[in-house]
Amino acid sequence: MKISELSKSTHTNIETIRYYEKQGVLQPPKRLANGYRYYDEKSVEQLKFIKKCRTLGFSLENIKALNRIKFSMKDHYQADQLVLNQLIQVENKISQLLEIKDFLQSIVTESEHNEEECKAIEGLKSECNL
């Protein structure tokens, strides 16, 4: 299939597919005599794997490592470590987001609409020591 067909079947922008190839995350496809890229079902599966990993927050470097492990069927411990490290990052991000949510909720709760002072702006300024 052509790149446009791969793009449609995986809901991935053509430029993104080319970028993944250039970065070495997606294996380069075969080239036809006319120079067009030719993708097979393996390319579809690989791109879906990449997209899922990106959705889970993995970096391109980590996706490359996971791809190497997937194709070699070795270093399962390394794959486990990459997933564990990603889980830790997600937990840290959730913690940060909960702190942000609590802060914003406190501003909204304290905010009263009056002409003299905007509690929301004052709350934000107080965090900046202004």
Protein backbone atom coordinates (compact mmCIF):
# COMPACT_ATOMS: atom_id res chain seq x y z
CA MET A 1 0.00 0.00 0.00
CA LYS A 2 1.07 3.59 -0.59
CA ILE A 3 1.80 6.04 2.21
CA SER A 4 -1.61 7.68 1.70
CA GLU A 5 -3.31 4.31 2.26
CA LEU A 6 -1.20 3.65 5.36
CA SER A 7 -2.12 7.11 6.59
CA LYS A 8 -5.84 6.47 6.14
CA SER A 9 -5.81 2.96 7.60
CA THR A 10 -3.93 4.04 10.75
CA HIS A 11 -5.33 7.58 11.05
CA THR A 12 -1.80 8.96 11.01
CA ASN A 13 -0.65 12.10 9.23
CA ILE A 14 1.65 11.42 6.25
CA GLU A 15 4.27 13.83 7.63
CA THR A 16 4.21 11.93 10.92
CA ILE A 17 4.84 8.64 9.12
CA ARG A 18 7.80 10.16 7.28
CA TYR A 19 9.09 11.64 10.55
CA TYR A 20 8.92 8.26 12.29
CA GLU A 21 10.87 6.74 9.40
CA LYS A 22 13.48 9.50 9.52
CA GLN A 23 13.86 9.08 13.29
CA GLY A 24 14.32 5.32 12.89
CA VAL A 25 11.18 4.46 14.84
CA LEU A 26 9.31 3.04 11.85
CA GLN A 27 11.26 0.67 9.64
CA PRO A 28 11.81 2.09 6.17
CA PRO A 29 9.46 0.55 3.62
CA LYS A 30 10.37 -1.09 0.36
CA ARG A 31 10.60 1.28 -2.59
CA LEU A 32 8.85 0.61 -5.87
CA ALA A 33 10.55 1.21 -9.23
CA ASN A 34 8.88 4.62 -9.40
CA GLY A 35 10.36 5.55 -5.99
CA TYR A 36 7.09 5.32 -4.09
CA ARG A 37 7.17 3.81 -0.65
CA TYR A 38 5.42 0.44 -0.41
CA TYR A 39 4.02 -0.54 2.97
CA ASP A 40 2.81 -3.98 3.96
CA GLU A 41 0.71 -5.28 6.84
CA LYS A 42 3.83 -5.41 9.03
CA SER A 43 4.16 -1.63 8.59
CA VAL A 44 0.54 -1.17 9.66
CA GLU A 45 1.12 -3.24 12.80
CA GLN A 46 4.34 -1.41 13.60
CA LEU A 47 2.73 2.01 13.17
CA LYS A 48 -0.19 1.01 15.39
CA PHE A 49 2.31 -0.13 18.02
CA ILE A 50 4.16 3.20 17.78
CA LYS A 51 0.93 5.17 18.08
CA LYS A 52 -0.16 3.19 21.15
CA CYS A 53 3.22 3.76 22.78
CA ARG A 54 3.01 7.49 22.02
CA THR A 55 -0.48 7.58 23.53
CA LEU A 56 1.01 6.02 26.66
CA GLY A 57 3.64 8.77 26.76
CA PHE A 58 6.71 6.83 25.65
CA SER A 59 9.49 8.85 24.03
CA LEU A 60 10.64 7.98 20.52
CA GLU A 61 13.91 6.67 21.98
CA ASN A 62 12.03 4.31 24.28
CA ILE A 63 9.78 3.20 21.42
CA LYS A 64 12.89 2.39 19.38
CA ALA A 65 14.17 0.30 22.28
CA LEU A 66 10.82 -1.47 22.63
CA ASN A 67 10.81 -2.16 18.88
CA ARG A 68 14.30 -3.68 19.08
CA ILE A 69 13.17 -5.89 21.94
CA LYS A 70 9.97 -6.82 20.13
CA PHE A 71 11.84 -7.88 16.99
CA SER A 72 14.67 -9.67 18.80
CA MET A 73 12.48 -11.30 21.46
CA LYS A 74 15.35 -10.72 23.91
CA ASP A 75 15.93 -8.34 26.81
CA HIS A 76 12.45 -8.73 28.25
CA TYR A 77 13.80 -7.31 31.52
CA GLN A 78 14.71 -4.08 29.70
CA ALA A 79 11.17 -3.85 28.29
CA ASP A 80 9.76 -4.34 31.78
CA GLN A 81 12.02 -1.56 33.06
CA LEU A 82 10.96 0.82 30.29
CA VAL A 83 7.30 0.19 31.10
CA LEU A 84 7.92 0.55 34.85
CA ASN A 85 9.77 3.84 34.31
CA GLN A 86 6.89 5.11 32.18
CA LEU A 87 4.42 4.12 34.89
CA ILE A 88 6.45 6.07 37.46
CA GLN A 89 6.46 9.13 35.18
CA VAL A 90 2.69 8.87 34.72
CA GLU A 91 2.16 8.60 38.49
CA ASN A 92 4.34 11.68 39.03
CA LYS A 93 2.40 13.59 36.36
CA ILE A 94 -0.91 12.59 37.97
CA SER A 95 0.36 13.84 41.32
CA GLN A 96 1.38 17.17 39.75
CA LEU A 97 -1.97 17.50 38.00
CA LEU A 98 -3.84 16.79 41.24
CA GLU A 99 -1.88 19.56 42.96
CA ILE A 100 -2.74 21.94 40.12
CA LYS A 101 -6.39 20.90 40.31
CA ASP A 102 -6.50 21.49 44.08
CA PHE A 103 -4.92 24.93 43.68
CA LEU A 104 -7.30 25.96 40.90
CA GLN A 105 -10.26 24.59 42.85
CA SER A 106 -9.25 26.66 45.87
CA ILE A 107 -9.13 29.80 43.73
CA VAL A 108 -12.55 29.07 42.23
CA THR A 109 -14.01 28.32 45.66
CA GLU A 110 -12.65 31.55 47.16
CA SER A 111 -13.51 33.64 44.15
CA GLU A 112 -16.33 36.10 44.64
CA HIS A 113 -17.40 38.38 41.89
CA ASN A 114 -17.09 41.96 43.03
CA GLU A 115 -16.06 45.15 41.33
CA GLU A 116 -13.11 45.92 43.59
CA GLU A 117 -11.05 42.75 43.46
CA CYS A 118 -10.81 39.64 41.30
CA LYS A 119 -10.10 36.72 43.64
CA ALA A 120 -8.98 34.50 40.77
CA ILE A 121 -6.30 36.97 39.66
CA GLU A 122 -5.30 37.69 43.27
CA GLY A 123 -4.94 33.96 43.94
CA LEU A 124 -2.72 33.50 40.91
CA LYS A 125 -0.65 36.56 41.80
CA SER A 126 -0.15 35.32 45.36
CA GLU A 127 1.45 32.15 44.01
CA CYS A 128 3.89 34.32 42.06
CA ASN A 129 4.70 36.45 45.11
CA LEU A 130 3.50 39.56 43.28
